[in-house]
Amino acid sequence: MVQIASKPITWQAKKVYEVTIDFDDPSAVPGSIRMGCDVRIRTGSKSDVLVLLETALYREGRLYFVRLVEEATVYGRVPVEAGISGDGMVEIVSGLREGQVVLLH
């Protein structure tokens, strides 16, 4: 990436940021990109981590909780530490083990 504008512009009644990108092989760029496109920028990623759907987390201020399900019993307010998030998923840094079942809300 070469540049991201520091201020948005209005385009089709939406606030957008102009981005300048250099491609190693401009002939391989799809034609649709030449007309404009939506871009998602990944700011971080990890592999081999425990993740949950955001809808499994309860939040109170800066604290996160889940409700565990064990043998048909639902336990409330089990604290967890959340890490990076995106696309509706949240990394769980601590407080859960792989294989535990959580209640979605």
PDB file of N, CA and C in Angstrom:
ATOM      1  N   MET A   1       0.853  -1.154   0.000  1.00  0.00           N
ATOM      2  CA  MET A   1       0.000   0.000   0.000  1.00  0.00           C
ATOM      3  C   MET A   1       0.905   1.224   0.000  1.00  0.00           C
ATOM      4  N   VAL A   2       0.487   2.217  -0.730  1.00  0.00           N
ATOM      5  CA  VAL A   2       1.278   3.422  -0.832  1.00  0.00           C
ATOM      6  C   VAL A   2       0.742   4.533   0.053  1.00  0.00           C
ATOM      7  N   GLN A   3      -0.605   4.722   0.076  1.00  0.00           N
ATOM      8  CA  GLN A   3      -1.148   5.836   0.829  1.00  0.00           C
ATOM      9  C   GLN A   3      -2.625   5.630   1.139  1.00  0.00           C
ATOM     10  N   ILE A   4      -3.046   6.066   2.331  1.00  0.00           N
ATOM     11  CA  ILE A   4      -4.460   6.149   2.706  1.00  0.00           C
ATOM     12  C   ILE A   4      -4.725   7.601   3.074  1.00  0.00           C
ATOM     13  N   ALA A   5      -5.765   8.176   2.505  1.00  0.00           N
ATOM     14  CA  ALA A   5      -6.096   9.569   2.791  1.00  0.00           C
ATOM     15  C   ALA A   5      -6.400   9.742   4.274  1.00  0.00           C
ATOM     16  N   SER A   6      -6.027  10.880   4.829  1.00  0.00           N
ATOM     17  CA  SER A   6      -6.264  11.117   6.251  1.00  0.00           C
ATOM     18  C   SER A   6      -7.680  11.617   6.525  1.00  0.00           C
ATOM     19  N   LYS A   7      -8.372  12.107   5.479  1.00  0.00           N
ATOM     20  CA  LYS A   7      -9.744  12.589   5.639  1.00  0.00           C
ATOM     21  C   LYS A   7     -10.638  11.921   4.594  1.00  0.00           C
ATOM     22  N   PRO A   8     -11.895  11.626   4.972  1.00  0.00           N
ATOM     23  CA  PRO A   8     -12.801  11.001   4.006  1.00  0.00           C
ATOM     24  C   PRO A   8     -13.317  12.014   2.986  1.00  0.00           C
ATOM     25  N   ILE A   9     -13.780  11.478   1.868  1.00  0.00           N
ATOM     26  CA  ILE A   9     -14.497  12.260   0.870  1.00  0.00           C
ATOM     27  C   ILE A   9     -15.900  11.678   0.769  1.00  0.00           C
ATOM     28  N   THR A  10     -16.819  12.401   0.186  1.00  0.00           N
ATOM     29  CA  THR A  10     -18.169  11.879  -0.014  1.00  0.00           C
ATOM     30  C   THR A  10     -18.264  11.343  -1.430  1.00  0.00           C
ATOM     31  N   TRP A  11     -18.692  10.092  -1.541  1.00  0.00           N
ATOM     32  CA  TRP A  11     -18.854   9.436  -2.839  1.00  0.00           C
ATOM     33  C   TRP A  11     -20.130   8.612  -2.764  1.00  0.00           C
ATOM     34  N   GLN A  12     -21.070   8.886  -3.641  1.00  0.00           N
ATOM     35  CA  GLN A  12     -22.375   8.223  -3.659  1.00  0.00           C
ATOM     36  C   GLN A  12     -23.034   8.291  -2.276  1.00  0.00           C
ATOM     37  N   ALA A  13     -23.006   9.479  -1.686  1.00  0.00           N
ATOM     38  CA  ALA A  13     -23.628   9.773  -0.393  1.00  0.00           C
ATOM     39  C   ALA A  13     -23.005   9.003   0.776  1.00  0.00           C
ATOM     40  N   LYS A  14     -21.792   8.500   0.610  1.00  0.00           N
ATOM     41  CA  LYS A  14     -21.096   7.792   1.685  1.00  0.00           C
ATOM     42  C   LYS A  14     -19.751   8.444   1.922  1.00  0.00           C
ATOM     43  N   LYS A  15     -19.285   8.368   3.161  1.00  0.00           N
ATOM     44  CA  LYS A  15     -17.934   8.818   3.485  1.00  0.00           C
ATOM     45  C   LYS A  15     -16.960   7.694   3.130  1.00  0.00           C
ATOM     46  N   VAL A  16     -15.976   7.990   2.294  1.00  0.00           N
ATOM     47  CA  VAL A  16     -14.995   6.991   1.875  1.00  0.00           C
ATOM     48  C   VAL A  16     -13.594   7.580   1.977  1.00  0.00           C
ATOM     49  N   TYR A  17     -12.614   6.714   2.061  1.00  0.00           N
ATOM     50  CA  TYR A  17     -11.215   7.126   2.091  1.00  0.00           C
ATOM     51  C   TYR A  17     -10.548   6.666   0.796  1.00  0.00           C
ATOM     52  N   GLU A  18      -9.864   7.577   0.145  1.00  0.00           N
ATOM     53  CA  GLU A  18      -9.129   7.208  -1.053  1.00  0.00           C
ATOM     54  C   GLU A  18      -7.846   6.489  -0.644  1.00  0.00           C
ATOM     55  N   VAL A  19      -7.564   5.393  -1.340  1.00  0.00           N
ATOM     56  CA  VAL A  19      -6.388   4.583  -1.061  1.00  0.00           C
ATOM     57  C   VAL A  19      -5.606   4.422  -2.356  1.00  0.00           C
ATOM     58  N   THR A  20      -4.303   4.611  -2.280  1.00  0.00           N
ATOM     59  CA  THR A  20      -3.433   4.398  -3.438  1.00  0.00           C
ATOM     60  C   THR A  20      -2.647   3.119  -3.199  1.00  0.00           C
ATOM     61  N   ILE A  21      -2.721   2.187  -4.162  1.00  0.00           N
ATOM     62  CA  ILE A  21      -2.059   0.886  -4.050  1.00  0.00           C
ATOM     63  C   ILE A  21      -1.200   0.680  -5.287  1.00  0.00           C
ATOM     64  N   ASP A  22       0.006   0.159  -5.104  1.00  0.00           N
ATOM     65  CA  ASP A  22       0.859  -0.238  -6.223  1.00  0.00           C
ATOM     66  C   ASP A  22       0.804  -1.755  -6.342  1.00  0.00           C
ATOM     67  N   PHE A  23       0.635  -2.252  -7.562  1.00  0.00           N
ATOM     68  CA  PHE A  23       0.649  -3.690  -7.826  1.00  0.00           C
ATOM     69  C   PHE A  23       1.959  -4.059  -8.503  1.00  0.00           C
ATOM     70  N   ASP A  24       2.503  -5.220  -8.144  1.00  0.00           N
ATOM     71  CA  ASP A  24       3.737  -5.683  -8.777  1.00  0.00           C
ATOM     72  C   ASP A  24       3.528  -5.922 -10.258  1.00  0.00           C
ATOM     73  N   ASP A  25       2.360  -6.460 -10.628  1.00  0.00           N
ATOM     74  CA  ASP A  25       2.049  -6.750 -12.034  1.00  0.00           C
ATOM     75  C   ASP A  25       0.712  -6.098 -12.386  1.00  0.00           C
ATOM     76  N   PRO A  26       0.722  -4.851 -12.849  1.00  0.00           N
ATOM     77  CA  PRO A  26      -0.538  -4.153 -13.154  1.00  0.00           C
ATOM     78  C   PRO A  26      -1.417  -4.871 -14.178  1.00  0.00           C
ATOM     79  N   SER A  27      -0.842  -5.683 -15.045  1.00  0.00           N
ATOM     80  CA  SER A  27      -1.659  -6.386 -16.041  1.00  0.00           C
ATOM     81  C   SER A  27      -2.509  -7.482 -15.409  1.00  0.00           C
ATOM     82  N   ALA A  28      -2.182  -7.900 -14.190  1.00  0.00           N
ATOM     83  CA  ALA A  28      -2.937  -8.954 -13.515  1.00  0.00           C
ATOM     84  C   ALA A  28      -4.075  -8.394 -12.652  1.00  0.00           C
ATOM     85  N   VAL A  29      -4.223  -7.073 -12.613  1.00  0.00           N
ATOM     86  CA  VAL A  29      -5.273  -6.455 -11.791  1.00  0.00           C
ATOM     87  C   VAL A  29      -6.623  -6.648 -12.477  1.00  0.00           C
ATOM     88  N   PRO A  30      -7.630  -7.205 -11.777  1.00  0.00           N
ATOM     89  CA  PRO A  30      -8.955  -7.382 -12.383  1.00  0.00           C
ATOM     90  C   PRO A  30      -9.540  -6.039 -12.819  1.00  0.00           C
ATOM     91  N   GLY A  31     -10.269  -6.047 -13.925  1.00  0.00           N
ATOM     92  CA  GLY A  31     -10.868  -4.835 -14.458  1.00  0.00           C
ATOM     93  C   GLY A  31     -11.808  -4.151 -13.492  1.00  0.00           C
ATOM     94  N   SER A  32     -12.479  -4.911 -12.641  1.00  0.00           N
ATOM     95  CA  SER A  32     -13.423  -4.311 -11.696  1.00  0.00           C
ATOM     96  C   SER A  32     -12.725  -3.393 -10.704  1.00  0.00           C
ATOM     97  N   ILE A  33     -11.472  -3.662 -10.394  1.00  0.00           N
ATOM     98  CA  ILE A  33     -10.739  -2.801  -9.466  1.00  0.00           C
ATOM     99  C   ILE A  33     -10.455  -1.450 -10.118  1.00  0.00           C
ATOM    100  N   ARG A  34     -10.286  -1.441 -11.423  1.00  0.00           N
ATOM    101  CA  ARG A  34     -10.029  -0.176 -12.103  1.00  0.00           C
ATOM    102  C   ARG A  34     -11.230   0.762 -12.004  1.00  0.00           C
ATOM    103  N   MET A  35     -12.420   0.213 -11.752  1.00  0.00           N
ATOM    104  CA  MET A  35     -13.628   1.027 -11.639  1.00  0.00           C
ATOM    105  C   MET A  35     -13.909   1.419 -10.196  1.00  0.00           C
ATOM    106  N   GLY A  36     -13.212   0.859  -9.252  1.00  0.00           N
ATOM    107  CA  GLY A  36     -13.445   1.110  -7.834  1.00  0.00           C
ATOM    108  C   GLY A  36     -13.771  -0.190  -7.131  1.00  0.00           C
ATOM    109  N   CYS A  37     -13.537  -0.241  -5.847  1.00  0.00           N
ATOM    110  CA  CYS A  37     -13.801  -1.479  -5.113  1.00  0.00           C
ATOM    111  C   CYS A  37     -13.916  -1.186  -3.624  1.00  0.00           C
ATOM    112  N   ASP A  38     -14.455  -2.148  -2.892  1.00  0.00           N
ATOM    113  CA  ASP A  38     -14.467  -2.105  -1.437  1.00  0.00           C
ATOM    114  C   ASP A  38     -13.264  -2.900  -0.959  1.00  0.00           C
ATOM    115  N   VAL A  39     -12.577  -2.386   0.039  1.00  0.00           N
ATOM    116  CA  VAL A  39     -11.361  -3.029   0.528  1.00  0.00           C
ATOM    117  C   VAL A  39     -11.476  -3.225   2.030  1.00  0.00           C
ATOM    118  N   ARG A  40     -11.080  -4.384   2.503  1.00  0.00           N
ATOM    119  CA  ARG A  40     -10.963  -4.637   3.933  1.00  0.00           C
ATOM    120  C   ARG A  40      -9.481  -4.703   4.252  1.00  0.00           C
ATOM    121  N   ILE A  41      -9.089  -4.028   5.291  1.00  0.00           N
ATOM    122  CA  ILE A  41      -7.685  -4.012   5.677  1.00  0.00           C
ATOM    123  C   ILE A  41      -7.530  -4.828   6.948  1.00  0.00           C
ATOM    124  N   ARG A  42      -6.738  -5.866   6.880  1.00  0.00           N
ATOM    125  CA  ARG A  42      -6.481  -6.708   8.042  1.00  0.00           C
ATOM    126  C   ARG A  42      -5.345  -6.084   8.835  1.00  0.00           C
ATOM    127  N   THR A  43      -5.610  -5.778  10.088  1.00  0.00           N
ATOM    128  CA  THR A  43      -4.601  -5.139  10.916  1.00  0.00           C
ATOM    129  C   THR A  43      -3.831  -6.133  11.769  1.00  0.00           C
ATOM    130  N   GLY A  44      -4.300  -7.361  11.845  1.00  0.00           N
ATOM    131  CA  GLY A  44      -3.605  -8.377  12.618  1.00  0.00           C
ATOM    132  C   GLY A  44      -4.267  -9.723  12.441  1.00  0.00           C
ATOM    133  N   SER A  45      -3.510 -10.770  12.573  1.00  0.00           N
ATOM    134  CA  SER A  45      -4.072 -12.116  12.505  1.00  0.00           C
ATOM    135  C   SER A  45      -3.183 -13.068  13.286  1.00  0.00           C
ATOM    136  N   LYS A  46      -3.777 -14.152  13.740  1.00  0.00           N
ATOM    137  CA  LYS A  46      -3.056 -15.187  14.464  1.00  0.00           C
ATOM    138  C   LYS A  46      -3.573 -16.538  13.990  1.00  0.00           C
ATOM    139  N   SER A  47      -2.773 -17.555  14.195  1.00  0.00           N
ATOM    140  CA  SER A  47      -3.227 -18.909  13.870  1.00  0.00           C
ATOM    141  C   SER A  47      -3.126 -19.770  15.130  1.00  0.00           C
ATOM    142  N   ASP A  48      -3.809 -20.901  15.102  1.00  0.00           N
ATOM    143  CA  ASP A  48      -3.811 -21.836  16.232  1.00  0.00           C
ATOM    144  C   ASP A  48      -4.239 -21.168  17.538  1.00  0.00           C
ATOM    145  N   VAL A  49      -5.365 -20.446  17.474  1.00  0.00           N
ATOM    146  CA  VAL A  49      -5.916 -19.802  18.668  1.00  0.00           C
ATOM    147  C   VAL A  49      -7.357 -20.251  18.851  1.00  0.00           C
ATOM    148  N   LEU A  50      -7.863 -20.071  20.052  1.00  0.00           N
ATOM    149  CA  LEU A  50      -9.252 -20.380  20.367  1.00  0.00           C
ATOM    150  C   LEU A  50     -10.093 -19.161  20.025  1.00  0.00           C
ATOM    151  N   VAL A  51     -11.149 -19.344  19.229  1.00  0.00           N
ATOM    152  CA  VAL A  51     -12.015 -18.226  18.852  1.00  0.00           C
ATOM    153  C   VAL A  51     -13.471 -18.579  19.133  1.00  0.00           C
ATOM    154  N   LEU A  52     -14.255 -17.534  19.385  1.00  0.00           N
ATOM    155  CA  LEU A  52     -15.695 -17.672  19.597  1.00  0.00           C
ATOM    156  C   LEU A  52     -16.420 -16.667  18.723  1.00  0.00           C
ATOM    157  N   LEU A  53     -17.682 -16.968  18.451  1.00  0.00           N
ATOM    158  CA  LEU A  53     -18.533 -15.959  17.828  1.00  0.00           C
ATOM    159  C   LEU A  53     -18.724 -14.820  18.819  1.00  0.00           C
ATOM    160  N   GLU A  54     -18.763 -13.597  18.315  1.00  0.00           N
ATOM    161  CA  GLU A  54     -18.987 -12.443  19.198  1.00  0.00           C
ATOM    162  C   GLU A  54     -20.270 -12.603  20.007  1.00  0.00           C
ATOM    163  N   THR A  55     -21.261 -13.281  19.444  1.00  0.00           N
ATOM    164  CA  THR A  55     -22.545 -13.443  20.129  1.00  0.00           C
ATOM    165  C   THR A  55     -22.455 -14.367  21.342  1.00  0.00           C
ATOM    166  N   ALA A  56     -21.329 -15.013  21.556  1.00  0.00           N
ATOM    167  CA  ALA A  56     -21.159 -15.856  22.740  1.00  0.00           C
ATOM    168  C   ALA A  56     -20.629 -15.058  23.926  1.00  0.00           C
ATOM    169  N   LEU A  57     -20.194 -13.823  23.675  1.00  0.00           N
ATOM    170  CA  LEU A  57     -19.604 -13.015  24.736  1.00  0.00           C
ATOM    171  C   LEU A  57     -20.604 -12.035  25.333  1.00  0.00           C
ATOM    172  N   TYR A  58     -20.524 -11.873  26.619  1.00  0.00           N
ATOM    173  CA  TYR A  58     -21.242 -10.832  27.343  1.00  0.00           C
ATOM    174  C   TYR A  58     -20.179  -9.830  27.777  1.00  0.00           C
ATOM    175  N   ARG A  59     -20.518  -8.566  27.729  1.00  0.00           N
ATOM    176  CA  ARG A  59     -19.528  -7.553  28.082  1.00  0.00           C
ATOM    177  C   ARG A  59     -20.093  -6.608  29.134  1.00  0.00           C
ATOM    178  N   GLU A  60     -19.270  -6.340  30.133  1.00  0.00           N
ATOM    179  CA  GLU A  60     -19.588  -5.345  31.150  1.00  0.00           C
ATOM    180  C   GLU A  60     -18.360  -4.458  31.288  1.00  0.00           C
ATOM    181  N   GLY A  61     -18.447  -3.251  30.723  1.00  0.00           N
ATOM    182  CA  GLY A  61     -17.276  -2.372  30.716  1.00  0.00           C
ATOM    183  C   GLY A  61     -16.164  -2.992  29.899  1.00  0.00           C
ATOM    184  N   ARG A  62     -15.039  -3.218  30.530  1.00  0.00           N
ATOM    185  CA  ARG A  62     -13.891  -3.841  29.841  1.00  0.00           C
ATOM    186  C   ARG A  62     -13.805  -5.346  30.084  1.00  0.00           C
ATOM    187  N   LEU A  63     -14.745  -5.892  30.844  1.00  0.00           N
ATOM    188  CA  LEU A  63     -14.715  -7.310  31.187  1.00  0.00           C
ATOM    189  C   LEU A  63     -15.610  -8.112  30.251  1.00  0.00           C
ATOM    190  N   TYR A  64     -15.151  -9.319  29.902  1.00  0.00           N
ATOM    191  CA  TYR A  64     -15.916 -10.230  29.052  1.00  0.00           C
ATOM    192  C   TYR A  64     -16.254 -11.489  29.831  1.00  0.00           C
ATOM    193  N   PHE A  65     -17.442 -12.031  29.537  1.00  0.00           N
ATOM    194  CA  PHE A  65     -17.903 -13.252  30.185  1.00  0.00           C
ATOM    195  C   PHE A  65     -18.548 -14.152  29.149  1.00  0.00           C
ATOM    196  N   VAL A  66     -18.577 -15.458  29.439  1.00  0.00           N
ATOM    197  CA  VAL A  66     -19.352 -16.418  28.656  1.00  0.00           C
ATOM    198  C   VAL A  66     -20.201 -17.207  29.627  1.00  0.00           C
ATOM    199  N   ARG A  67     -21.155 -17.923  29.086  1.00  0.00           N
ATOM    200  CA  ARG A  67     -21.955 -18.851  29.889  1.00  0.00           C
ATOM    201  C   ARG A  67     -21.606 -20.255  29.410  1.00  0.00           C
ATOM    202  N   LEU A  68     -21.016 -21.045  30.267  1.00  0.00           N
ATOM    203  CA  LEU A  68     -20.622 -22.413  29.931  1.00  0.00           C
ATOM    204  C   LEU A  68     -21.798 -23.368  30.076  1.00  0.00           C
ATOM    205  N   VAL A  69     -21.811 -24.396  29.244  1.00  0.00           N
ATOM    206  CA  VAL A  69     -22.808 -25.457  29.332  1.00  0.00           C
ATOM    207  C   VAL A  69     -22.055 -26.760  29.581  1.00  0.00           C
ATOM    208  N   GLU A  70     -22.365 -27.415  30.706  1.00  0.00           N
ATOM    209  CA  GLU A  70     -21.755 -28.703  31.042  1.00  0.00           C
ATOM    210  C   GLU A  70     -22.834 -29.644  31.534  1.00  0.00           C
ATOM    211  N   GLU A  71     -23.009 -30.768  30.849  1.00  0.00           N
ATOM    212  CA  GLU A  71     -23.990 -31.786  31.235  1.00  0.00           C
ATOM    213  C   GLU A  71     -25.358 -31.164  31.495  1.00  0.00           C
ATOM    214  N   ALA A  72     -25.848 -30.389  30.548  1.00  0.00           N
ATOM    215  CA  ALA A  72     -27.170 -29.754  30.571  1.00  0.00           C
ATOM    216  C   ALA A  72     -27.324 -28.680  31.643  1.00  0.00           C
ATOM    217  N   THR A  73     -26.229 -28.272  32.279  1.00  0.00           N
ATOM    218  CA  THR A  73     -26.266 -27.183  33.253  1.00  0.00           C
ATOM    219  C   THR A  73     -25.580 -25.972  32.640  1.00  0.00           C
ATOM    220  N   VAL A  74     -26.232 -24.813  32.769  1.00  0.00           N
ATOM    221  CA  VAL A  74     -25.662 -23.568  32.241  1.00  0.00           C
ATOM    222  C   VAL A  74     -25.064 -22.779  33.392  1.00  0.00           C
ATOM    223  N   TYR A  75     -23.795 -22.456  33.281  1.00  0.00           N
ATOM    224  CA  TYR A  75     -23.101 -21.662  34.284  1.00  0.00           C
ATOM    225  C   TYR A  75     -22.957 -20.241  33.763  1.00  0.00           C
ATOM    226  N   GLY A  76     -23.273 -19.260  34.586  1.00  0.00           N
ATOM    227  CA  GLY A  76     -23.226 -17.869  34.143  1.00  0.00           C
ATOM    228  C   GLY A  76     -21.952 -17.161  34.539  1.00  0.00           C
ATOM    229  N   ARG A  77     -21.636 -16.141  33.777  1.00  0.00           N
ATOM    230  CA  ARG A  77     -20.549 -15.221  34.067  1.00  0.00           C
ATOM    231  C   ARG A  77     -19.199 -15.885  34.315  1.00  0.00           C
ATOM    232  N   VAL A  78     -18.731 -16.658  33.373  1.00  0.00           N
ATOM    233  CA  VAL A  78     -17.382 -17.198  33.441  1.00  0.00           C
ATOM    234  C   VAL A  78     -16.473 -16.180  32.754  1.00  0.00           C
ATOM    235  N   PRO A  79     -15.537 -15.553  33.486  1.00  0.00           N
ATOM    236  CA  PRO A  79     -14.707 -14.510  32.889  1.00  0.00           C
ATOM    237  C   PRO A  79     -13.725 -15.073  31.870  1.00  0.00           C
ATOM    238  N   VAL A  80     -13.554 -14.345  30.778  1.00  0.00           N
ATOM    239  CA  VAL A  80     -12.579 -14.701  29.745  1.00  0.00           C
ATOM    240  C   VAL A  80     -11.815 -13.449  29.355  1.00  0.00           C
ATOM    241  N   GLU A  81     -10.619 -13.664  28.821  1.00  0.00           N
ATOM    242  CA  GLU A  81      -9.832 -12.555  28.282  1.00  0.00           C
ATOM    243  C   GLU A  81      -9.910 -12.609  26.768  1.00  0.00           C
ATOM    244  N   ALA A  82     -10.400 -11.527  26.164  1.00  0.00           N
ATOM    245  CA  ALA A  82     -10.549 -11.457  24.718  1.00  0.00           C
ATOM    246  C   ALA A  82      -9.301 -10.846  24.090  1.00  0.00           C
ATOM    247  N   GLY A  83      -8.988 -11.337  22.891  1.00  0.00           N
ATOM    248  CA  GLY A  83      -7.855 -10.802  22.132  1.00  0.00           C
ATOM    249  C   GLY A  83      -8.345 -10.068  20.900  1.00  0.00           C
ATOM    250  N   ILE A  84      -7.699 -10.313  19.773  1.00  0.00           N
ATOM    251  CA  ILE A  84      -8.085  -9.616  18.553  1.00  0.00           C
ATOM    252  C   ILE A  84      -9.432 -10.129  18.060  1.00  0.00           C
ATOM    253  N   SER A  85     -10.134  -9.289  17.292  1.00  0.00           N
ATOM    254  CA  SER A  85     -11.444  -9.671  16.793  1.00  0.00           C
ATOM    255  C   SER A  85     -11.637  -9.155  15.379  1.00  0.00           C
ATOM    256  N   GLY A  86     -12.579  -9.762  14.690  1.00  0.00           N
ATOM    257  CA  GLY A  86     -12.933  -9.353  13.341  1.00  0.00           C
ATOM    258  C   GLY A  86     -13.835 -10.379  12.703  1.00  0.00           C
ATOM    259  N   ASP A  87     -14.632  -9.938  11.733  1.00  0.00           N
ATOM    260  CA  ASP A  87     -15.556 -10.811  11.007  1.00  0.00           C
ATOM    261  C   ASP A  87     -16.475 -11.592  11.939  1.00  0.00           C
ATOM    262  N   GLY A  88     -16.869 -10.982  13.048  1.00  0.00           N
ATOM    263  CA  GLY A  88     -17.802 -11.631  13.962  1.00  0.00           C
ATOM    264  C   GLY A  88     -17.182 -12.653  14.889  1.00  0.00           C
ATOM    265  N   MET A  89     -15.849 -12.770  14.874  1.00  0.00           N
ATOM    266  CA  MET A  89     -15.150 -13.731  15.721  1.00  0.00           C
ATOM    267  C   MET A  89     -14.233 -12.996  16.686  1.00  0.00           C
ATOM    268  N   VAL A  90     -14.002 -13.599  17.870  1.00  0.00           N
ATOM    269  CA  VAL A  90     -13.140 -13.008  18.887  1.00  0.00           C
ATOM    270  C   VAL A  90     -12.169 -14.072  19.389  1.00  0.00           C
ATOM    271  N   GLU A  91     -10.909 -13.725  19.466  1.00  0.00           N
ATOM    272  CA  GLU A  91      -9.904 -14.615  20.043  1.00  0.00           C
ATOM    273  C   GLU A  91     -10.110 -14.674  21.557  1.00  0.00           C
ATOM    274  N   ILE A  92     -10.029 -15.868  22.134  1.00  0.00           N
ATOM    275  CA  ILE A  92     -10.103 -16.034  23.585  1.00  0.00           C
ATOM    276  C   ILE A  92      -8.702 -16.377  24.071  1.00  0.00           C
ATOM    277  N   VAL A  93      -8.102 -15.442  24.799  1.00  0.00           N
ATOM    278  CA  VAL A  93      -6.728 -15.586  25.267  1.00  0.00           C
ATOM    279  C   VAL A  93      -6.663 -16.489  26.495  1.00  0.00           C
ATOM    280  N   SER A  94      -7.634 -16.338  27.398  1.00  0.00           N
ATOM    281  CA  SER A  94      -7.656 -17.180  28.598  1.00  0.00           C
ATOM    282  C   SER A  94      -9.074 -17.267  29.138  1.00  0.00           C
ATOM    283  N   GLY A  95      -9.303 -18.274  29.978  1.00  0.00           N
ATOM    284  CA  GLY A  95     -10.600 -18.456  30.611  1.00  0.00           C
ATOM    285  C   GLY A  95     -11.401 -19.621  30.054  1.00  0.00           C
ATOM    286  N   LEU A  96     -11.019 -20.123  28.869  1.00  0.00           N
ATOM    287  CA  LEU A  96     -11.692 -21.277  28.250  1.00  0.00           C
ATOM    288  C   LEU A  96     -10.652 -22.255  27.719  1.00  0.00           C
ATOM    289  N   ARG A  97     -11.093 -23.506  27.572  1.00  0.00           N
ATOM    290  CA  ARG A  97     -10.274 -24.539  26.944  1.00  0.00           C
ATOM    291  C   ARG A  97     -10.980 -25.025  25.691  1.00  0.00           C
ATOM    292  N   GLU A  98     -10.216 -25.510  24.763  1.00  0.00           N
ATOM    293  CA  GLU A  98     -10.799 -26.105  23.559  1.00  0.00           C
ATOM    294  C   GLU A  98     -11.703 -27.244  23.970  1.00  0.00           C
ATOM    295  N   GLY A  99     -12.905 -27.291  23.347  1.00  0.00           N
ATOM    296  CA  GLY A  99     -13.855 -28.355  23.621  1.00  0.00           C
ATOM    297  C   GLY A  99     -14.960 -27.966  24.592  1.00  0.00           C
ATOM    298  N   GLN A 100     -14.756 -26.889  25.347  1.00  0.00           N
ATOM    299  CA  GLN A 100     -15.817 -26.446  26.240  1.00  0.00           C
ATOM    300  C   GLN A 100     -16.959 -25.865  25.403  1.00  0.00           C
ATOM    301  N   VAL A 101     -18.182 -26.013  25.898  1.00  0.00           N
ATOM    302  CA  VAL A 101     -19.374 -25.561  25.183  1.00  0.00           C
ATOM    303  C   VAL A 101     -19.872 -24.287  25.819  1.00  0.00           C
ATOM    304  N   VAL A 102     -20.131 -23.267  24.989  1.00  0.00           N
ATOM    305  CA  VAL A 102     -20.652 -22.001  25.494  1.00  0.00           C
ATOM    306  C   VAL A 102     -22.023 -21.750  24.910  1.00  0.00           C
ATOM    307  N   LEU A 103     -22.820 -20.988  25.643  1.00  0.00           N
ATOM    308  CA  LEU A 103     -24.167 -20.652  25.231  1.00  0.00           C
ATOM    309  C   LEU A 103     -24.119 -19.392  24.360  1.00  0.00           C
ATOM    310  N   LEU A 104     -24.800 -19.442  23.221  1.00  0.00           N
ATOM    311  CA  LEU A 104     -24.918 -18.270  22.362  1.00  0.00           C
ATOM    312  C   LEU A 104     -26.164 -17.495  22.761  1.00  0.00           C
ATOM    313  N   HIS A 105     -26.114 -16.195  22.607  1.00  0.00           N
ATOM    314  CA  HIS A 105     -27.310 -15.383  22.917  1.00  0.00           C
ATOM    315  C   HIS A 105     -27.633 -14.498  21.748  1.00  0.00           C
TER     316      HIS A 105
END
